């Protein structure tokens, strides 16, 4: 590694964080890669119909945010994709995404009951002689945007949001693939790749989650 490379790294490290990342605790989760076509290049009809401009417009219309940059050889365009927390919540509610409840919060809600709906308090005593699991551990249910339920969902990351990186990727792909009447892009990533409208598409790693997973692997390996 040369001196110029080190300087470049320092510049990147010292760059201020994206306001989006500061607010939500995550950033871009998915990437589309487009080829830069020569003006003389013959394109198929589907490549014309689903050009980079058209794909980007559909992403924007569906409420997805993008950031684009060239490859060093300038023959490819990388398009990073993300969705705001509000947009993710809306899609999770629409498709009934199954999420895990926070055991302590679920226990609190269950024991409080819901008098307005005629639901009596539910109290379950843990019995370690029967199982090491607590009564409210590992319980999943479909996501709902109802404000009363938000504290009950298990939270992740330093911003304590209900979606892991894998959940955000799943939701972004759901938005991309769903019909425009459902607020989506009506795009099939597999078809776009096969028909060479895209060079490729892939998910990005969440650095915070990756560091946490690496730590778990190291701890497991040291046993």
C-alpha atoms as a PDB file:
ATOM      1  CA  UNK A   1       0.000   0.000   0.000  1.00  0.00           C
ATOM      2  CA  UNK A   2       1.456   3.345  -1.050  1.00  0.00           C
ATOM      3  CA  UNK A   3       1.361   6.670   0.769  1.00  0.00           C
ATOM      4  CA  UNK A   4      -1.402   7.991  -1.456  1.00  0.00           C
ATOM      5  CA  UNK A   5      -3.560   4.965  -0.589  1.00  0.00           C
ATOM      6  CA  UNK A   6      -3.135   5.645   3.131  1.00  0.00           C
ATOM      7  CA  UNK A   7      -4.099   9.298   2.643  1.00  0.00           C
ATOM      8  CA  UNK A   8      -7.207   8.223   0.753  1.00  0.00           C
ATOM      9  CA  UNK A   9      -8.238   5.917   3.581  1.00  0.00           C
ATOM     10  CA  UNK A  10      -7.761   8.668   6.159  1.00  0.00           C
ATOM     11  CA  UNK A  11      -9.915  11.003   4.120  1.00  0.00           C
ATOM     12  CA  UNK A  12     -12.700   8.417   3.955  1.00  0.00           C
ATOM     13  CA  UNK A  13     -12.534   7.690   7.680  1.00  0.00           C
ATOM     14  CA  UNK A  14     -12.713  11.377   8.591  1.00  0.00           C
ATOM     15  CA  UNK A  15     -15.665  12.098   6.316  1.00  0.00           C
ATOM     16  CA  UNK A  16     -18.815  13.157   8.234  1.00  0.00           C
ATOM     17  CA  UNK A  17     -21.505  10.512   8.495  1.00  0.00           C
ATOM     18  CA  UNK A  18     -24.482  10.614   6.183  1.00  0.00           C
ATOM     19  CA  UNK A  19     -27.401  12.380   7.977  1.00  0.00           C
ATOM     20  CA  UNK A  20     -29.612   9.440   6.953  1.00  0.00           C
ATOM     21  CA  UNK A  21     -27.296   7.003   8.759  1.00  0.00           C
ATOM     22  CA  UNK A  22     -27.125   9.263  11.809  1.00  0.00           C
ATOM     23  CA  UNK A  23     -30.933   9.362  11.956  1.00  0.00           C
ATOM     24  CA  UNK A  24     -31.760   5.729  11.181  1.00  0.00           C
ATOM     25  CA  UNK A  25     -28.651   3.824  12.270  1.00  0.00           C
ATOM     26  CA  UNK A  26     -28.160   2.129   8.890  1.00  0.00           C
ATOM     27  CA  UNK A  27     -27.413   3.139   5.315  1.00  0.00           C
ATOM     28  CA  UNK A  28     -27.563   1.554   1.857  1.00  0.00           C
ATOM     29  CA  UNK A  29     -28.555  -2.125   1.805  1.00  0.00           C
ATOM     30  CA  UNK A  30     -28.645  -3.161  -1.857  1.00  0.00           C
ATOM     31  CA  UNK A  31     -26.863  -2.467  -5.141  1.00  0.00           C
ATOM     32  CA  UNK A  32     -27.829  -2.551  -8.813  1.00  0.00           C
ATOM     33  CA  UNK A  33     -24.959  -2.537 -11.317  1.00  0.00           C
ATOM     34  CA  UNK A  34     -25.629  -1.087 -14.776  1.00  0.00           C
ATOM     35  CA  UNK A  35     -23.440  -1.255 -17.867  1.00  0.00           C
ATOM     36  CA  UNK A  36     -22.577   2.005 -19.612  1.00  0.00           C
ATOM     37  CA  UNK A  37     -23.548   1.315 -23.217  1.00  0.00           C
ATOM     38  CA  UNK A  38     -21.765   2.840 -26.189  1.00  0.00           C
ATOM     39  CA  UNK A  39     -23.882   5.066 -28.414  1.00  0.00           C
ATOM     40  CA  UNK A  40     -23.372   2.651 -31.312  1.00  0.00           C
ATOM     41  CA  UNK A  41     -24.272  -0.450 -29.293  1.00  0.00           C
ATOM     42  CA  UNK A  42     -27.371  -2.349 -30.404  1.00  0.00           C
ATOM     43  CA  UNK A  43     -29.823  -2.782 -27.529  1.00  0.00           C
ATOM     44  CA  UNK A  44     -32.687  -5.256 -27.243  1.00  0.00           C
ATOM     45  CA  UNK A  45     -36.227  -3.959 -26.829  1.00  0.00           C
ATOM     46  CA  UNK A  46     -36.341  -4.852 -23.137  1.00  0.00           C
ATOM     47  CA  UNK A  47     -33.020  -3.046 -22.586  1.00  0.00           C
ATOM     48  CA  UNK A  48     -34.611   0.032 -24.129  1.00  0.00           C
ATOM     49  CA  UNK A  49     -37.863  -0.353 -22.186  1.00  0.00           C
ATOM     50  CA  UNK A  50     -36.069  -0.952 -18.884  1.00  0.00           C
ATOM     51  CA  UNK A  51     -33.165   1.428 -19.305  1.00  0.00           C
ATOM     52  CA  UNK A  52     -31.183   2.718 -16.352  1.00  0.00           C
ATOM     53  CA  UNK A  53     -33.238   5.916 -16.398  1.00  0.00           C
ATOM     54  CA  UNK A  54     -36.515   3.956 -16.281  1.00  0.00           C
ATOM     55  CA  UNK A  55     -35.331   1.677 -13.469  1.00  0.00           C
ATOM     56  CA  UNK A  56     -34.141   4.645 -11.414  1.00  0.00           C
ATOM     57  CA  UNK A  57     -37.457   6.419 -11.913  1.00  0.00           C
ATOM     58  CA  UNK A  58     -39.362   3.372 -10.700  1.00  0.00           C
ATOM     59  CA  UNK A  59     -37.146   3.100  -7.628  1.00  0.00           C
ATOM     60  CA  UNK A  60     -37.795   6.763  -6.819  1.00  0.00           C
ATOM     61  CA  UNK A  61     -41.543   6.457  -7.414  1.00  0.00           C
ATOM     62  CA  UNK A  62     -41.636   3.573  -4.917  1.00  0.00           C
ATOM     63  CA  UNK A  63     -40.027   5.701  -2.217  1.00  0.00           C
ATOM     64  CA  UNK A  64     -36.553   4.183  -2.420  1.00  0.00           C
ATOM     65  CA  UNK A  65     -33.451   6.365  -2.223  1.00  0.00           C
ATOM     66  CA  UNK A  66     -30.425   5.850  -4.473  1.00  0.00           C
ATOM     67  CA  UNK A  67     -26.829   6.973  -4.818  1.00  0.00           C
ATOM     68  CA  UNK A  68     -24.841   6.369  -7.990  1.00  0.00           C
ATOM     69  CA  UNK A  69     -21.180   6.335  -8.919  1.00  0.00           C
ATOM     70  CA  UNK A  70     -18.964   5.091 -11.733  1.00  0.00           C
ATOM     71  CA  UNK A  71     -16.507   2.218 -11.567  1.00  0.00           C
ATOM     72  CA  UNK A  72     -12.855   3.269 -11.929  1.00  0.00           C
ATOM     73  CA  UNK A  73     -12.963   2.221 -15.589  1.00  0.00           C
ATOM     74  CA  UNK A  74     -16.231   4.163 -16.035  1.00  0.00           C
ATOM     75  CA  UNK A  75     -17.843   1.280 -17.881  1.00  0.00           C
ATOM     76  CA  UNK A  76     -20.176   0.426 -14.998  1.00  0.00           C
ATOM     77  CA  UNK A  77     -22.547   2.429 -12.820  1.00  0.00           C
ATOM     78  CA  UNK A  78     -23.157   1.262  -9.252  1.00  0.00           C
ATOM     79  CA  UNK A  79     -26.536   2.240  -7.829  1.00  0.00           C
ATOM     80  CA  UNK A  80     -26.834   1.860  -4.051  1.00  0.00           C
ATOM     81  CA  UNK A  81     -30.388   1.531  -2.719  1.00  0.00           C
ATOM     82  CA  UNK A  82     -31.917   2.199   0.687  1.00  0.00           C
ATOM     83  CA  UNK A  83     -35.322   2.814   2.255  1.00  0.00           C
ATOM     84  CA  UNK A  84     -36.262   5.068   5.153  1.00  0.00           C
ATOM     85  CA  UNK A  85     -37.494   3.455   8.356  1.00  0.00           C
ATOM     86  CA  UNK A  86     -40.999   4.745   7.648  1.00  0.00           C
ATOM     87  CA  UNK A  87     -40.976   3.140   4.178  1.00  0.00           C
ATOM     88  CA  UNK A  88     -39.691  -0.152   5.599  1.00  0.00           C
ATOM     89  CA  UNK A  89     -42.435  -0.149   8.235  1.00  0.00           C
ATOM     90  CA  UNK A  90     -45.090   0.488   5.601  1.00  0.00           C
ATOM     91  CA  UNK A  91     -43.889  -2.431   3.473  1.00  0.00           C
ATOM     92  CA  UNK A  92     -43.494  -4.744   6.477  1.00  0.00           C
ATOM     93  CA  UNK A  93     -47.101  -4.008   7.440  1.00  0.00           C
ATOM     94  CA  UNK A  94     -48.300  -4.558   3.863  1.00  0.00           C
ATOM     95  CA  UNK A  95     -46.692  -8.004   3.481  1.00  0.00           C
ATOM     96  CA  UNK A  96     -47.219  -9.053   7.130  1.00  0.00           C
ATOM     97  CA  UNK A  97     -43.504  -9.589   7.699  1.00  0.00           C
ATOM     98  CA  UNK A  98     -42.926 -11.891  10.671  1.00  0.00           C
ATOM     99  CA  UNK A  99     -40.799 -10.251  13.369  1.00  0.00           C
ATOM    100  CA  UNK A 100     -39.663 -11.406  16.785  1.00  0.00           C
ATOM    101  CA  UNK A 101     -41.145  -9.844  19.909  1.00  0.00           C
ATOM    102  CA  UNK A 102     -39.023  -8.534  22.753  1.00  0.00           C
ATOM    103  CA  UNK A 103     -39.664 -11.072  25.528  1.00  0.00           C
ATOM    104  CA  UNK A 104     -39.680  -8.568  28.398  1.00  0.00           C
ATOM    105  CA  UNK A 105     -41.921  -6.077  26.584  1.00  0.00           C
ATOM    106  CA  UNK A 106     -44.316  -8.825  25.480  1.00  0.00           C
ATOM    107  CA  UNK A 107     -44.563 -10.087  29.061  1.00  0.00           C
ATOM    108  CA  UNK A 108     -45.323  -6.555  30.261  1.00  0.00           C
ATOM    109  CA  UNK A 109     -48.071  -6.081  27.664  1.00  0.00           C
ATOM    110  CA  UNK A 110     -49.560  -9.523  28.337  1.00  0.00           C
ATOM    111  CA  UNK A 111     -49.687  -8.952  32.089  1.00  0.00           C
ATOM    112  CA  UNK A 112     -51.291  -5.529  31.581  1.00  0.00           C
ATOM    113  CA  UNK A 113     -54.046  -6.948  29.378  1.00  0.00           C
ATOM    114  CA  UNK A 114     -56.099  -4.807  27.000  1.00  0.00           C
ATOM    115  CA  UNK A 115     -59.276  -3.797  28.865  1.00  0.00           C
ATOM    116  CA  UNK A 116     -60.590  -1.704  25.957  1.00  0.00           C
ATOM    117  CA  UNK A 117     -60.774  -4.876  23.864  1.00  0.00           C
ATOM    118  CA  UNK A 118     -61.938  -7.116  26.681  1.00  0.00           C
ATOM    119  CA  UNK A 119     -58.596  -8.912  26.974  1.00  0.00           C
ATOM    120  CA  UNK A 120     -57.748  -9.927  30.530  1.00  0.00           C
ATOM    121  CA  UNK A 121     -54.177  -9.938  31.869  1.00  0.00           C
ATOM    122  CA  UNK A 122     -52.130 -13.019  30.962  1.00  0.00           C
ATOM    123  CA  UNK A 123     -49.645 -14.254  33.532  1.00  0.00           C
ATOM    124  CA  UNK A 124     -47.437 -17.269  32.860  1.00  0.00           C
ATOM    125  CA  UNK A 125     -44.975 -18.452  35.469  1.00  0.00           C
ATOM    126  CA  UNK A 126     -41.623 -19.687  34.172  1.00  0.00           C
ATOM    127  CA  UNK A 127     -40.658 -23.192  35.287  1.00  0.00           C
ATOM    128  CA  UNK A 128     -36.929 -23.925  34.795  1.00  0.00           C
ATOM    129  CA  UNK A 129     -37.540 -27.581  35.694  1.00  0.00           C
ATOM    130  CA  UNK A 130     -39.549 -27.953  32.483  1.00  0.00           C
ATOM    131  CA  UNK A 131     -37.538 -25.779  30.070  1.00  0.00           C
ATOM    132  CA  UNK A 132     -34.701 -23.279  30.080  1.00  0.00           C
ATOM    133  CA  UNK A 133     -36.757 -21.038  27.804  1.00  0.00           C
ATOM    134  CA  UNK A 134     -38.976 -18.373  29.288  1.00  0.00           C
ATOM    135  CA  UNK A 135     -42.653 -18.244  28.401  1.00  0.00           C
ATOM    136  CA  UNK A 136     -42.340 -15.215  26.138  1.00  0.00           C
ATOM    137  CA  UNK A 137     -39.052 -16.104  24.406  1.00  0.00           C
ATOM    138  CA  UNK A 138     -38.830 -16.636  20.625  1.00  0.00           C
ATOM    139  CA  UNK A 139     -42.349 -15.485  19.791  1.00  0.00           C
ATOM    140  CA  UNK A 140     -42.912 -14.052  16.308  1.00  0.00           C
ATOM    141  CA  UNK A 141     -45.875 -12.255  14.768  1.00  0.00           C
ATOM    142  CA  UNK A 142     -46.692 -10.185  11.709  1.00  0.00           C
ATOM    143  CA  UNK A 143     -45.580  -6.579  11.838  1.00  0.00           C
ATOM    144  CA  UNK A 144     -48.245  -3.931  12.361  1.00  0.00           C
ATOM    145  CA  UNK A 145     -47.717  -0.153  12.333  1.00  0.00           C
ATOM    146  CA  UNK A 146     -50.138   0.384  15.223  1.00  0.00           C
ATOM    147  CA  UNK A 147     -48.276   2.696  17.659  1.00  0.00           C
ATOM    148  CA  UNK A 148     -49.284   0.618  20.690  1.00  0.00           C
ATOM    149  CA  UNK A 149     -47.353  -2.368  19.329  1.00  0.00           C
ATOM    150  CA  UNK A 150     -44.061  -0.642  18.467  1.00  0.00           C
ATOM    151  CA  UNK A 151     -42.367  -1.157  21.872  1.00  0.00           C
ATOM    152  CA  UNK A 152     -43.144  -4.894  21.731  1.00  0.00           C
ATOM    153  CA  UNK A 153     -40.983  -5.684  18.691  1.00  0.00           C
ATOM    154  CA  UNK A 154     -37.388  -6.718  19.357  1.00  0.00           C
ATOM    155  CA  UNK A 155     -34.967  -3.899  18.523  1.00  0.00           C
ATOM    156  CA  UNK A 156     -31.579  -4.007  16.789  1.00  0.00           C
ATOM    157  CA  UNK A 157     -28.586  -1.703  16.398  1.00  0.00           C
ATOM    158  CA  UNK A 158     -27.690   1.410  18.345  1.00  0.00           C
ATOM    159  CA  UNK A 159     -30.817   3.169  17.051  1.00  0.00           C
ATOM    160  CA  UNK A 160     -33.022   0.328  18.310  1.00  0.00           C
ATOM    161  CA  UNK A 161     -35.083  -0.299  15.180  1.00  0.00           C
ATOM    162  CA  UNK A 162     -37.239  -3.414  14.579  1.00  0.00           C
ATOM    163  CA  UNK A 163     -35.401  -4.534  11.424  1.00  0.00           C
ATOM    164  CA  UNK A 164     -32.099  -6.367  11.032  1.00  0.00           C
ATOM    165  CA  UNK A 165     -30.035  -5.966   7.877  1.00  0.00           C
ATOM    166  CA  UNK A 166     -31.536  -9.150   6.434  1.00  0.00           C
ATOM    167  CA  UNK A 167     -35.043  -7.798   7.112  1.00  0.00           C
ATOM    168  CA  UNK A 168     -34.278  -4.517   5.357  1.00  0.00           C
ATOM    169  CA  UNK A 169     -32.927  -6.373   2.318  1.00  0.00           C
ATOM    170  CA  UNK A 170     -36.028  -8.566   2.208  1.00  0.00           C
ATOM    171  CA  UNK A 171     -38.264  -5.489   2.380  1.00  0.00           C
ATOM    172  CA  UNK A 172     -36.337  -3.594  -0.298  1.00  0.00           C
ATOM    173  CA  UNK A 173     -36.611  -6.581  -2.648  1.00  0.00           C
ATOM    174  CA  UNK A 174     -40.309  -6.809  -1.830  1.00  0.00           C
ATOM    175  CA  UNK A 175     -40.765  -3.147  -2.791  1.00  0.00           C
ATOM    176  CA  UNK A 176     -38.729  -3.628  -5.971  1.00  0.00           C
ATOM    177  CA  UNK A 177     -40.744  -6.680  -7.020  1.00  0.00           C
ATOM    178  CA  UNK A 178     -44.257  -5.628  -6.033  1.00  0.00           C
ATOM    179  CA  UNK A 179     -46.704  -4.009  -8.425  1.00  0.00           C
ATOM    180  CA  UNK A 180     -46.985  -0.256  -8.807  1.00  0.00           C
ATOM    181  CA  UNK A 181     -50.561  -0.443  -7.473  1.00  0.00           C
ATOM    182  CA  UNK A 182     -49.042  -1.737  -4.214  1.00  0.00           C
ATOM    183  CA  UNK A 183     -46.506   1.092  -4.208  1.00  0.00           C
ATOM    184  CA  UNK A 184     -43.685  -0.986  -5.679  1.00  0.00           C
ATOM    185  CA  UNK A 185     -41.412  -0.850  -8.718  1.00  0.00           C
ATOM    186  CA  UNK A 186     -42.786  -3.846 -10.658  1.00  0.00           C
ATOM    187  CA  UNK A 187     -39.243  -5.003 -11.442  1.00  0.00           C
ATOM    188  CA  UNK A 188     -37.953  -8.578 -11.486  1.00  0.00           C
ATOM    189  CA  UNK A 189     -34.265  -8.524 -10.539  1.00  0.00           C
ATOM    190  CA  UNK A 190     -33.635 -11.991 -11.991  1.00  0.00           C
ATOM    191  CA  UNK A 191     -35.211 -11.025 -15.323  1.00  0.00           C
ATOM    192  CA  UNK A 192     -33.308  -7.731 -15.408  1.00  0.00           C
ATOM    193  CA  UNK A 193     -30.054  -9.636 -14.971  1.00  0.00           C
ATOM    194  CA  UNK A 194     -30.854 -12.390 -17.477  1.00  0.00           C
ATOM    195  CA  UNK A 195     -31.958  -9.836 -20.088  1.00  0.00           C
ATOM    196  CA  UNK A 196     -28.773  -7.812 -19.412  1.00  0.00           C
ATOM    197  CA  UNK A 197     -30.602  -4.729 -18.211  1.00  0.00           C
ATOM    198  CA  UNK A 198     -28.446  -5.186 -15.104  1.00  0.00           C
ATOM    199  CA  UNK A 199     -24.920  -6.551 -14.917  1.00  0.00           C
ATOM    200  CA  UNK A 200     -25.624  -7.881 -11.427  1.00  0.00           C
ATOM    201  CA  UNK A 201     -27.365  -7.053  -8.162  1.00  0.00           C
ATOM    202  CA  UNK A 202     -26.265  -7.809  -4.608  1.00  0.00           C
ATOM    203  CA  UNK A 203     -26.838  -7.027  -0.941  1.00  0.00           C
ATOM    204  CA  UNK A 204     -24.458  -4.943   1.143  1.00  0.00           C
ATOM    205  CA  UNK A 205     -23.122  -5.902   4.580  1.00  0.00           C
ATOM    206  CA  UNK A 206     -24.207  -3.959   7.640  1.00  0.00           C
ATOM    207  CA  UNK A 207     -20.901  -3.081   9.331  1.00  0.00           C
ATOM    208  CA  UNK A 208     -22.344  -3.041  12.853  1.00  0.00           C
ATOM    209  CA  UNK A 209     -24.019  -6.430  12.420  1.00  0.00           C
ATOM    210  CA  UNK A 210     -20.939  -7.873  10.716  1.00  0.00           C
ATOM    211  CA  UNK A 211     -18.730  -6.805  13.637  1.00  0.00           C
ATOM    212  CA  UNK A 212     -21.176  -8.345  16.111  1.00  0.00           C
ATOM    213  CA  UNK A 213     -21.287 -11.611  14.161  1.00  0.00           C
ATOM    214  CA  UNK A 214     -17.488 -11.740  13.904  1.00  0.00           C
ATOM    215  CA  UNK A 215     -17.255 -11.289  17.682  1.00  0.00           C
ATOM    216  CA  UNK A 216     -19.652 -14.196  18.212  1.00  0.00           C
ATOM    217  CA  UNK A 217     -17.611 -16.390  15.857  1.00  0.00           C
ATOM    218  CA  UNK A 218     -14.398 -15.540  17.711  1.00  0.00           C
ATOM    219  CA  UNK A 219     -16.013 -16.320  21.071  1.00  0.00           C
ATOM    220  CA  UNK A 220     -17.372 -19.624  19.748  1.00  0.00           C
ATOM    221  CA  UNK A 221     -14.006 -20.583  18.230  1.00  0.00           C
ATOM    222  CA  UNK A 222     -12.220 -19.921  21.528  1.00  0.00           C
ATOM    223  CA  UNK A 223     -14.348 -22.451  23.426  1.00  0.00           C
END
